[in-house]
């Protein structure tokens, strides 16, 4: 009798489940949010104290003019004068070298741009 050899059936290879994805939060990545429609931005209203016209002293009037001006305009005109006469320090642009007119206003030969507004406040009424 011829017996047929039985070959064992091949077992199917077990399927591996993929590893779950791990999301790492970084400092720069923010969670996605739905952006709601923003209301239109409100226009800034200037502070009335800055917009009040003040009369410059005689020393300051020699640089910015004798007409009453708001503080913001006085600072702007001072910068125009400084740039026109090349009074910004060439090494450190934050420093202003005073000429004869500005030396009377500042009280010293060199000031920083951060001192500027405080020093002209004494010359405005």
C-alpha atoms as a PDB file:
ATOM      1  CA  UNK A   1       0.000   0.000   0.000  1.00  0.00           C
ATOM      2  CA  UNK A   2       1.188   3.261  -0.903  1.00  0.00           C
ATOM      3  CA  UNK A   3       0.722   5.665   1.796  1.00  0.00           C
ATOM      4  CA  UNK A   4       0.917   9.299   1.110  1.00  0.00           C
ATOM      5  CA  UNK A   5       3.029  11.247   3.430  1.00  0.00           C
ATOM      6  CA  UNK A   6       1.176  13.957   5.059  1.00  0.00           C
ATOM      7  CA  UNK A   7       3.048  17.175   5.188  1.00  0.00           C
ATOM      8  CA  UNK A   8       2.175  19.361   8.058  1.00  0.00           C
ATOM      9  CA  UNK A   9       0.283  22.491   7.093  1.00  0.00           C
ATOM     10  CA  UNK A  10       2.311  25.640   7.242  1.00  0.00           C
ATOM     11  CA  UNK A  11       1.380  27.827  10.067  1.00  0.00           C
ATOM     12  CA  UNK A  12       0.662  31.423   9.195  1.00  0.00           C
ATOM     13  CA  UNK A  13       3.209  33.801  10.646  1.00  0.00           C
ATOM     14  CA  UNK A  14       1.709  35.788  13.474  1.00  0.00           C
ATOM     15  CA  UNK A  15       1.086  39.392  12.443  1.00  0.00           C
ATOM     16  CA  UNK A  16       2.624  42.027  14.617  1.00  0.00           C
ATOM     17  CA  UNK A  17       0.601  44.999  15.578  1.00  0.00           C
ATOM     18  CA  UNK A  18       2.343  48.293  14.780  1.00  0.00           C
ATOM     19  CA  UNK A  19       3.573  50.186  17.815  1.00  0.00           C
ATOM     20  CA  UNK A  20       1.319  53.062  18.748  1.00  0.00           C
ATOM     21  CA  UNK A  21       2.673  56.441  17.643  1.00  0.00           C
ATOM     22  CA  UNK A  22       3.988  58.517  20.479  1.00  0.00           C
ATOM     23  CA  UNK A  23       3.627  62.233  19.977  1.00  0.00           C
ATOM     24  CA  UNK A  24       6.248  64.255  21.781  1.00  0.00           C
ATOM     25  CA  UNK A  25       5.320  67.792  22.682  1.00  0.00           C
ATOM     26  CA  UNK A  26       8.018  70.333  21.984  1.00  0.00           C
ATOM     27  CA  UNK A  27       8.421  73.804  23.375  1.00  0.00           C
ATOM     28  CA  UNK A  28       7.654  75.386  19.994  1.00  0.00           C
ATOM     29  CA  UNK A  29       4.690  73.233  19.061  1.00  0.00           C
ATOM     30  CA  UNK A  30       1.369  74.307  20.429  1.00  0.00           C
ATOM     31  CA  UNK A  31      -1.767  72.231  20.247  1.00  0.00           C
ATOM     32  CA  UNK A  32      -3.910  73.076  17.276  1.00  0.00           C
ATOM     33  CA  UNK A  33      -6.807  75.306  18.151  1.00  0.00           C
ATOM     34  CA  UNK A  34      -9.651  76.585  16.121  1.00  0.00           C
ATOM     35  CA  UNK A  35      -9.189  80.278  15.565  1.00  0.00           C
ATOM     36  CA  UNK A  36     -12.284  82.297  16.215  1.00  0.00           C
ATOM     37  CA  UNK A  37     -12.885  85.433  14.214  1.00  0.00           C
ATOM     38  CA  UNK A  38     -11.213  88.322  16.002  1.00  0.00           C
ATOM     39  CA  UNK A  39     -12.900  91.614  16.571  1.00  0.00           C
ATOM     40  CA  UNK A  40     -11.250  94.492  14.731  1.00  0.00           C
ATOM     41  CA  UNK A  41      -8.380  96.031  16.686  1.00  0.00           C
ATOM     42  CA  UNK A  42      -9.198  99.190  18.566  1.00  0.00           C
ATOM     43  CA  UNK A  43      -7.258 102.243  17.505  1.00  0.00           C
ATOM     44  CA  UNK A  44      -5.032 103.607  20.260  1.00  0.00           C
ATOM     45  CA  UNK A  45      -6.025 106.945  21.602  1.00  0.00           C
ATOM     46  CA  UNK A  46      -3.087 109.156  22.528  1.00  0.00           C
ATOM     47  CA  UNK A  47      -2.661 110.197  26.124  1.00  0.00           C
ATOM     48  CA  UNK A  48      -3.870 113.772  26.571  1.00  0.00           C
ATOM     49  CA  UNK A  49      -0.862 114.624  28.748  1.00  0.00           C
ATOM     50  CA  UNK A  50       1.515 113.891  25.865  1.00  0.00           C
ATOM     51  CA  UNK A  51      -0.577 115.837  23.377  1.00  0.00           C
ATOM     52  CA  UNK A  52      -0.864 119.000  25.480  1.00  0.00           C
ATOM     53  CA  UNK A  53       1.022 121.876  23.842  1.00  0.00           C
ATOM     54  CA  UNK A  54       3.778 123.196  26.115  1.00  0.00           C
ATOM     55  CA  UNK A  55       5.875 126.326  25.724  1.00  0.00           C
ATOM     56  CA  UNK A  56       9.629 125.656  25.457  1.00  0.00           C
ATOM     57  CA  UNK A  57      12.144 127.685  27.471  1.00  0.00           C
ATOM     58  CA  UNK A  58      14.350 130.202  25.657  1.00  0.00           C
ATOM     59  CA  UNK A  59      17.237 127.685  25.536  1.00  0.00           C
ATOM     60  CA  UNK A  60      15.060 124.938  24.049  1.00  0.00           C
ATOM     61  CA  UNK A  61      13.320 127.399  21.705  1.00  0.00           C
ATOM     62  CA  UNK A  62      16.705 128.046  20.073  1.00  0.00           C
ATOM     63  CA  UNK A  63      16.616 124.420  18.858  1.00  0.00           C
ATOM     64  CA  UNK A  64      12.916 123.553  18.313  1.00  0.00           C
ATOM     65  CA  UNK A  65      11.277 126.970  17.865  1.00  0.00           C
ATOM     66  CA  UNK A  66       9.273 129.185  20.196  1.00  0.00           C
ATOM     67  CA  UNK A  67       5.779 127.908  19.305  1.00  0.00           C
ATOM     68  CA  UNK A  68       3.991 125.714  21.893  1.00  0.00           C
ATOM     69  CA  UNK A  69       4.431 122.030  21.000  1.00  0.00           C
ATOM     70  CA  UNK A  70       3.445 118.657  22.479  1.00  0.00           C
ATOM     71  CA  UNK A  71       6.263 116.682  24.122  1.00  0.00           C
ATOM     72  CA  UNK A  72       6.279 114.173  21.283  1.00  0.00           C
ATOM     73  CA  UNK A  73       6.905 116.906  18.722  1.00  0.00           C
ATOM     74  CA  UNK A  74       9.668 118.450  20.827  1.00  0.00           C
ATOM     75  CA  UNK A  75      11.507 115.115  20.961  1.00  0.00           C
ATOM     76  CA  UNK A  76      11.008 114.632  17.217  1.00  0.00           C
ATOM     77  CA  UNK A  77      12.392 118.092  16.444  1.00  0.00           C
ATOM     78  CA  UNK A  78      15.349 117.474  18.740  1.00  0.00           C
ATOM     79  CA  UNK A  79      16.181 114.299  16.809  1.00  0.00           C
ATOM     80  CA  UNK A  80      15.948 116.188  13.521  1.00  0.00           C
ATOM     81  CA  UNK A  81      18.417 118.750  14.913  1.00  0.00           C
ATOM     82  CA  UNK A  82      20.740 116.012  16.245  1.00  0.00           C
ATOM     83  CA  UNK A  83      20.805 114.134  12.938  1.00  0.00           C
ATOM     84  CA  UNK A  84      21.165 117.311  10.859  1.00  0.00           C
ATOM     85  CA  UNK A  85      24.227 118.438  12.844  1.00  0.00           C
ATOM     86  CA  UNK A  86      25.725 114.927  13.177  1.00  0.00           C
ATOM     87  CA  UNK A  87      25.666 114.939  16.982  1.00  0.00           C
ATOM     88  CA  UNK A  88      25.100 111.203  17.459  1.00  0.00           C
ATOM     89  CA  UNK A  89      28.234 109.493  18.748  1.00  0.00           C
ATOM     90  CA  UNK A  90      29.884 107.537  15.928  1.00  0.00           C
ATOM     91  CA  UNK A  91      30.937 104.627  18.173  1.00  0.00           C
ATOM     92  CA  UNK A  92      27.842 104.311  20.381  1.00  0.00           C
ATOM     93  CA  UNK A  93      24.751 105.566  18.529  1.00  0.00           C
ATOM     94  CA  UNK A  94      22.814 105.749  21.805  1.00  0.00           C
ATOM     95  CA  UNK A  95      24.910 108.691  22.953  1.00  0.00           C
ATOM     96  CA  UNK A  96      24.359 112.270  21.861  1.00  0.00           C
ATOM     97  CA  UNK A  97      27.274 114.696  21.860  1.00  0.00           C
ATOM     98  CA  UNK A  98      25.997 118.133  22.806  1.00  0.00           C
ATOM     99  CA  UNK A  99      26.943 121.243  20.837  1.00  0.00           C
ATOM    100  CA  UNK A 100      26.753 124.725  22.397  1.00  0.00           C
ATOM    101  CA  UNK A 101      22.947 124.956  22.121  1.00  0.00           C
ATOM    102  CA  UNK A 102      22.305 121.471  23.496  1.00  0.00           C
ATOM    103  CA  UNK A 103      24.900 121.764  26.259  1.00  0.00           C
ATOM    104  CA  UNK A 104      22.762 124.509  27.833  1.00  0.00           C
ATOM    105  CA  UNK A 105      19.692 122.239  27.709  1.00  0.00           C
ATOM    106  CA  UNK A 106      21.388 119.000  28.839  1.00  0.00           C
ATOM    107  CA  UNK A 107      23.808 120.467  31.366  1.00  0.00           C
ATOM    108  CA  UNK A 108      26.618 118.137  30.230  1.00  0.00           C
ATOM    109  CA  UNK A 109      28.640 117.329  27.145  1.00  0.00           C
ATOM    110  CA  UNK A 110      27.143 113.896  26.392  1.00  0.00           C
ATOM    111  CA  UNK A 111      23.813 112.235  27.212  1.00  0.00           C
ATOM    112  CA  UNK A 112      22.161 108.949  26.296  1.00  0.00           C
ATOM    113  CA  UNK A 113      19.017 108.907  24.220  1.00  0.00           C
ATOM    114  CA  UNK A 114      17.172 107.502  27.238  1.00  0.00           C
ATOM    115  CA  UNK A 115      17.918 110.647  29.247  1.00  0.00           C
ATOM    116  CA  UNK A 116      16.711 112.921  26.474  1.00  0.00           C
ATOM    117  CA  UNK A 117      13.002 113.104  27.357  1.00  0.00           C
ATOM    118  CA  UNK A 118      13.736 113.640  31.051  1.00  0.00           C
ATOM    119  CA  UNK A 119      16.150 116.458  30.398  1.00  0.00           C
ATOM    120  CA  UNK A 120      13.838 118.395  28.085  1.00  0.00           C
ATOM    121  CA  UNK A 121      10.979 118.090  30.570  1.00  0.00           C
ATOM    122  CA  UNK A 122      12.702 120.744  32.695  1.00  0.00           C
ATOM    123  CA  UNK A 123      12.565 123.158  29.757  1.00  0.00           C
ATOM    124  CA  UNK A 124       8.829 122.815  29.016  1.00  0.00           C
ATOM    125  CA  UNK A 125       6.073 124.767  30.787  1.00  0.00           C
END
